[in-house]
Amino acid sequence: MSNANPQSLAGRVCFCLLLFAIGLYLLASIREIDRDLKKDSDWRTYFTKDAMHYYVVAQAFASGDFSMSYEKGWPYRQPLFPLLIAGVMKATNDDLLAIRMINVGVIVFAAITLFVILRAFWRDSAAAAIISILFVLNPFVYDQAIHGLNTEPLHLFLLICIIACLLRYTAVRHWIYLLLLAFTIGLDYLDRINGLFLAISAFAVLLCFALSQYFFGPEHHAVRLGRRLIRRSIWNYRRSGEVGCAAYRFLVALPRSRARLGYYHRTKLALAFALFR
């Protein structure tokens, strides 16, 4: 009689299937990208619209120009993804295949990260592997990774990390996960404007969670109103760091805000718009 645990056996099988799915995804992506490059290897016609913007910004970063002068013509282009492209440019001498493989690599890394996070949360390798397989083989993920230079794959990876940090913080209430949450949201803002809405949503959820713990937790009662409620709420926020977390997120996104100040400094209204849009 075999003493093997059925759950661990299923987990190993699903993990092998995940590796197979990642290999299949890599093979299909490389084949598609290589076929596109054989048709047209000139980046000036190969990259169009948003991809062209990111490529041009990356070229400036790779040459040592970090003035972010592109803000004058493309104010909604964030610097994190072009910075990643610039690093690959320097390492591979502007190899288009390597540049096109950036998002493919990001998706593979995101799938592995998703598996690790889900397995840590659920202690179920099979379920974590199945969900990661569905992620890496998703048609939307595939299209965003191989067509042009899109910021969506990096946004998806950061979104996975943001949700994991948020869930972990609400579970253990440790400050390190709050700082990781703020740092990841700041990085997501530097990748896409969506990070600003994520910051508002995440801290709104944390506020609702803190209030629910106060009113409905076993050690609190809703009848404690007035001055004591205000004093206790302020102390809770100071202790847990939500206010400091918002300031930390602003500091992470400061490089892009600094560039905007150079182009939108004429009026107070424009100054506020440059900092927070």
Protein backbone atom coordinates (compact mmCIF):
# COMPACT_ATOMS: atom_id res chain seq x y z
CA MET A 1 0.00 0.00 0.00
CA SER A 2 1.33 3.39 -0.94
CA ASN A 3 1.81 5.96 1.82
CA ALA A 4 1.81 8.91 -0.60
CA ASN A 5 -0.45 11.81 0.34
CA PRO A 6 -3.07 12.28 -2.41
CA GLN A 7 -3.07 16.05 -1.89
CA SER A 8 0.71 16.35 -2.19
CA LEU A 9 0.66 14.10 -5.26
CA ALA A 10 -2.02 16.25 -6.88
CA GLY A 11 0.02 19.32 -6.02
CA ARG A 12 3.12 17.92 -7.72
CA VAL A 13 1.14 16.98 -10.82
CA CYS A 14 -0.45 20.44 -11.05
CA PHE A 15 2.92 22.10 -10.52
CA CYS A 16 4.37 20.08 -13.40
CA LEU A 17 1.39 21.16 -15.49
CA LEU A 18 2.16 24.78 -14.54
CA LEU A 19 5.75 24.38 -15.74
CA PHE A 20 4.45 22.83 -18.96
CA ALA A 21 2.00 25.74 -19.44
CA ILE A 22 4.82 28.26 -18.89
CA GLY A 23 6.99 26.42 -21.41
CA LEU A 24 4.13 26.38 -23.90
CA TYR A 25 3.56 30.09 -23.35
CA LEU A 26 7.26 30.87 -23.88
CA LEU A 27 7.42 28.78 -27.05
CA ALA A 28 4.32 30.40 -28.56
CA SER A 29 5.50 33.90 -27.61
CA ILE A 30 9.01 33.49 -29.03
CA ARG A 31 7.63 32.04 -32.24
CA GLU A 32 5.12 34.89 -32.69
CA ILE A 33 7.63 37.63 -31.88
CA ASP A 34 10.31 36.13 -34.13
CA ARG A 35 7.82 35.94 -37.01
CA ASP A 36 6.91 39.61 -36.52
CA LEU A 37 10.55 40.67 -36.44
CA LYS A 38 11.27 38.87 -39.70
CA LYS A 39 8.55 40.93 -41.36
CA ASP A 40 9.83 44.27 -40.05
CA SER A 41 12.92 44.84 -37.90
CA ASP A 42 12.94 48.67 -38.04
CA TRP A 43 11.60 49.93 -34.70
CA ARG A 44 10.39 53.19 -36.29
CA THR A 45 7.72 51.27 -38.18
CA TYR A 46 7.60 48.24 -35.90
CA PHE A 47 6.55 50.18 -32.80
CA THR A 48 3.57 52.50 -33.17
CA LYS A 49 1.46 54.72 -30.91
CA ASP A 50 2.02 53.98 -27.19
CA ALA A 51 4.80 51.46 -27.85
CA MET A 52 6.71 54.05 -29.86
CA HIS A 53 6.42 56.54 -26.98
CA TYR A 54 7.80 54.06 -24.46
CA TYR A 55 10.62 53.08 -26.80
CA VAL A 56 11.67 56.70 -27.38
CA VAL A 57 11.58 57.45 -23.65
CA ALA A 58 13.63 54.30 -22.99
CA GLN A 59 16.21 55.46 -25.54
CA ALA A 60 16.54 58.74 -23.64
CA PHE A 61 16.98 56.90 -20.34
CA ALA A 62 19.53 54.54 -21.87
CA SER A 63 21.54 57.52 -23.12
CA GLY A 64 21.62 59.03 -19.62
CA ASP A 65 18.90 61.65 -20.14
CA PHE A 66 16.59 61.50 -17.09
CA SER A 67 15.11 64.97 -17.50
CA MET A 68 11.76 63.45 -18.52
CA SER A 69 11.32 66.12 -21.17
CA TYR A 70 8.76 63.83 -22.83
CA GLU A 71 6.27 65.23 -20.32
CA LYS A 72 5.80 68.21 -22.66
CA GLY A 73 4.27 66.10 -25.42
CA TRP A 74 3.23 62.88 -23.65
CA PRO A 75 2.14 63.87 -20.14
CA TYR A 76 0.51 60.51 -19.40
CA ARG A 77 3.54 58.33 -20.08
CA GLN A 78 4.90 56.89 -16.85
CA PRO A 79 8.67 56.27 -16.37
CA LEU A 80 8.89 52.81 -14.75
CA PHE A 81 8.31 50.66 -17.84
CA PRO A 82 10.64 52.74 -20.09
CA LEU A 83 13.27 52.45 -17.37
CA LEU A 84 12.96 48.66 -17.55
CA ILE A 85 13.25 48.78 -21.34
CA ALA A 86 16.31 51.04 -21.05
CA GLY A 87 18.02 48.46 -18.83
CA VAL A 88 17.43 45.74 -21.41
CA MET A 89 18.63 48.09 -24.17
CA LYS A 90 21.92 48.67 -22.39
CA ALA A 91 22.39 44.99 -21.60
CA THR A 92 21.59 43.67 -25.11
CA ASN A 93 22.74 46.57 -27.31
CA ASP A 94 19.20 47.44 -28.46
CA ASP A 95 18.26 43.90 -29.46
CA LEU A 96 14.59 44.04 -30.52
CA LEU A 97 13.92 40.39 -29.67
CA ALA A 98 15.15 40.91 -26.11
CA ILE A 99 13.09 44.09 -25.81
CA ARG A 100 9.97 42.34 -27.05
CA MET A 101 10.61 39.51 -24.57
CA ILE A 102 10.43 41.89 -21.59
CA ASN A 103 6.68 41.53 -21.14
CA VAL A 104 6.84 37.80 -21.77
CA GLY A 105 9.33 37.50 -18.94
CA VAL A 106 7.17 39.71 -16.71
CA ILE A 107 4.16 37.44 -17.28
CA VAL A 108 6.19 34.30 -16.49
CA PHE A 109 7.49 35.93 -13.31
CA ALA A 110 3.95 37.04 -12.42
CA ALA A 111 2.61 33.49 -12.86
CA ILE A 112 5.31 32.06 -10.58
CA THR A 113 4.70 34.83 -8.04
CA LEU A 114 0.97 34.13 -8.14
CA PHE A 115 1.61 30.44 -7.47
CA VAL A 116 3.91 31.18 -4.52
CA ILE A 117 1.45 33.67 -2.99
CA LEU A 118 -1.60 31.43 -3.35
CA ARG A 119 0.26 28.42 -2.00
CA ALA A 120 1.37 30.46 1.03
CA PHE A 121 -2.20 31.64 1.65
CA TRP A 122 -4.06 28.36 1.10
CA ARG A 123 -1.40 25.69 1.66
CA ASP A 124 -2.83 24.03 -1.44
CA SER A 125 -0.35 23.55 -4.27
CA ALA A 126 -2.92 22.10 -6.64
CA ALA A 127 -5.33 25.05 -6.44
CA ALA A 128 -2.46 27.56 -6.65
CA ALA A 129 -1.04 25.83 -9.72
CA ILE A 130 -4.41 25.63 -11.49
CA ILE A 131 -5.08 29.35 -11.00
CA SER A 132 -1.57 30.22 -12.18
CA ILE A 133 -2.07 28.07 -15.28
CA LEU A 134 -5.32 29.89 -16.06
CA PHE A 135 -3.46 33.18 -15.65
CA VAL A 136 -0.49 32.39 -17.91
CA LEU A 137 -2.68 30.88 -20.65
CA ASN A 138 -5.23 33.70 -20.59
CA PRO A 139 -5.70 35.13 -24.12
CA PHE A 140 -5.73 38.70 -22.81
CA VAL A 141 -2.41 38.19 -21.01
CA TYR A 142 -0.91 36.63 -24.13
CA ASP A 143 -2.05 39.47 -26.41
CA GLN A 144 -0.79 42.19 -24.07
CA ALA A 145 2.62 40.54 -23.71
CA ILE A 146 3.52 39.89 -27.35
CA HIS A 147 1.93 42.79 -29.25
CA GLY A 148 3.99 45.95 -29.00
CA LEU A 149 5.29 47.37 -25.73
CA ASN A 150 2.39 47.56 -23.29
CA THR A 151 2.44 48.45 -19.60
CA GLU A 152 -0.40 46.04 -18.77
CA PRO A 153 1.82 42.99 -17.97
CA LEU A 154 3.87 44.91 -15.40
CA HIS A 155 0.63 46.36 -14.02
CA LEU A 156 -0.79 42.85 -13.62
CA PHE A 157 2.31 41.68 -11.75
CA LEU A 158 2.20 44.68 -9.40
CA LEU A 159 -1.55 44.22 -8.92
CA ILE A 160 -0.96 40.65 -7.74
CA CYS A 161 1.59 41.93 -5.22
CA ILE A 162 -0.72 44.73 -4.08
CA ILE A 163 -3.62 42.37 -3.37
CA ALA A 164 -1.29 39.96 -1.55
CA CYS A 165 0.11 42.75 0.67
CA LEU A 166 -3.38 44.08 1.40
CA LEU A 167 -4.73 40.65 2.39
CA ARG A 168 -1.66 39.87 4.47
CA TYR A 169 -1.84 43.17 6.32
CA THR A 170 -5.52 42.75 7.20
CA ALA A 171 -4.71 39.24 8.44
CA VAL A 172 -1.71 39.94 10.70
CA ARG A 173 -1.77 43.76 11.07
CA HIS A 174 2.04 44.02 10.78
CA TRP A 175 3.51 47.32 9.68
CA ILE A 176 5.93 45.73 7.20
CA TYR A 177 3.05 44.63 4.95
CA LEU A 178 1.62 48.14 5.08
CA LEU A 179 4.91 49.60 3.88
CA LEU A 180 5.17 46.93 1.18
CA LEU A 181 1.62 47.78 0.11
CA ALA A 182 2.43 51.49 -0.17
CA PHE A 183 5.70 50.81 -1.98
CA THR A 184 4.03 48.50 -4.52
CA ILE A 185 1.18 50.95 -5.14
CA GLY A 186 3.76 53.67 -5.71
CA LEU A 187 5.56 51.49 -8.25
CA ASP A 188 2.25 50.76 -9.97
CA TYR A 189 1.58 54.49 -10.23
CA LEU A 190 4.98 54.90 -11.87
CA ASP A 191 3.93 52.22 -14.36
CA ARG A 192 0.38 53.38 -15.09
CA ILE A 193 -1.96 56.17 -13.98
CA ASN A 194 -4.21 53.39 -12.61
CA GLY A 195 -1.94 53.27 -9.57
CA LEU A 196 -3.53 56.49 -8.34
CA PHE A 197 -6.97 54.87 -8.29
CA LEU A 198 -5.50 51.77 -6.68
CA ALA A 199 -4.06 53.91 -3.89
CA ILE A 200 -7.43 55.51 -3.20
CA SER A 201 -9.20 52.14 -3.28
CA ALA A 202 -6.64 50.38 -1.08
CA PHE A 203 -6.61 53.01 1.64
CA ALA A 204 -10.40 53.26 1.54
CA VAL A 205 -10.55 49.51 2.16
CA LEU A 206 -8.06 49.86 5.03
CA LEU A 207 -10.13 52.68 6.53
CA CYS A 208 -13.32 50.61 6.33
CA PHE A 209 -11.47 47.64 7.82
CA ALA A 210 -10.16 49.73 10.74
CA LEU A 211 -13.62 51.18 11.41
CA SER A 212 -15.24 47.75 11.29
CA GLN A 213 -12.67 46.47 13.77
CA TYR A 214 -13.45 49.37 16.07
CA PHE A 215 -17.24 49.11 15.96
CA PHE A 216 -17.67 45.35 15.63
CA GLY A 217 -14.52 43.90 17.15
CA PRO A 218 -14.87 41.89 20.38
CA GLU A 219 -12.93 44.42 22.42
CA HIS A 220 -14.87 47.54 21.28
CA HIS A 221 -18.44 48.77 21.53
CA ALA A 222 -20.33 51.13 19.25
CA VAL A 223 -21.54 53.19 22.24
CA ARG A 224 -18.07 54.69 22.72
CA LEU A 225 -18.68 57.90 20.83
CA GLY A 226 -17.60 61.54 21.07
CA ARG A 227 -14.18 62.61 22.19
CA ARG A 228 -13.00 59.15 23.21
CA LEU A 229 -13.87 57.74 19.77
CA ILE A 230 -11.94 60.51 17.98
CA ARG A 231 -8.93 60.17 20.30
CA ARG A 232 -8.84 56.39 19.96
CA SER A 233 -9.22 56.51 16.15
CA ILE A 234 -6.36 58.97 15.75
CA TRP A 235 -4.16 56.81 17.97
CA ASN A 236 -5.01 53.69 15.95
CA TYR A 237 -4.05 55.38 12.71
CA ARG A 238 -0.81 56.73 14.12
CA ARG A 239 0.09 53.31 15.46
CA SER A 240 -0.76 51.29 12.36
CA GLY A 241 0.76 53.81 9.93
CA GLU A 242 -2.01 54.46 7.39
CA VAL A 243 -1.29 58.19 7.35
CA GLY A 244 2.44 57.65 7.03
CA CYS A 245 1.75 55.08 4.36
CA ALA A 246 0.05 57.67 2.15
CA ALA A 247 3.07 59.95 2.51
CA TYR A 248 5.37 57.03 1.68
CA ARG A 249 3.41 56.35 -1.50
CA PHE A 250 3.83 60.01 -2.48
CA LEU A 251 7.61 59.78 -1.99
CA VAL A 252 7.79 56.68 -4.20
CA ALA A 253 5.99 58.56 -6.97
CA LEU A 254 8.02 61.74 -6.41
CA PRO A 255 10.38 61.31 -9.43
CA ARG A 256 7.53 61.74 -11.87
CA SER A 257 5.94 64.56 -9.85
CA ARG A 258 9.29 66.39 -9.84
CA ALA A 259 9.42 66.27 -13.63
CA ARG A 260 5.92 67.64 -13.88
CA LEU A 261 6.80 70.62 -11.67
CA GLY A 262 9.22 71.77 -14.35
CA TYR A 263 6.44 72.09 -16.91
CA TYR A 264 3.39 73.03 -14.83
CA HIS A 265 4.71 75.64 -12.39
CA ARG A 266 2.96 78.80 -13.55
CA THR A 267 -0.20 78.66 -11.45
CA LYS A 268 -1.23 77.04 -8.20
CA LEU A 269 -3.97 75.14 -9.98
CA ALA A 270 -1.50 73.78 -12.51
CA LEU A 271 0.87 72.88 -9.66
CA ALA A 272 -1.80 70.80 -7.94
CA PHE A 273 -2.74 69.20 -11.25
CA ALA A 274 0.90 68.29 -11.91
CA LEU A 275 1.32 66.64 -8.53
CA PHE A 276 -1.86 64.63 -8.24
CA ARG A 277 -3.17 63.73 -11.71
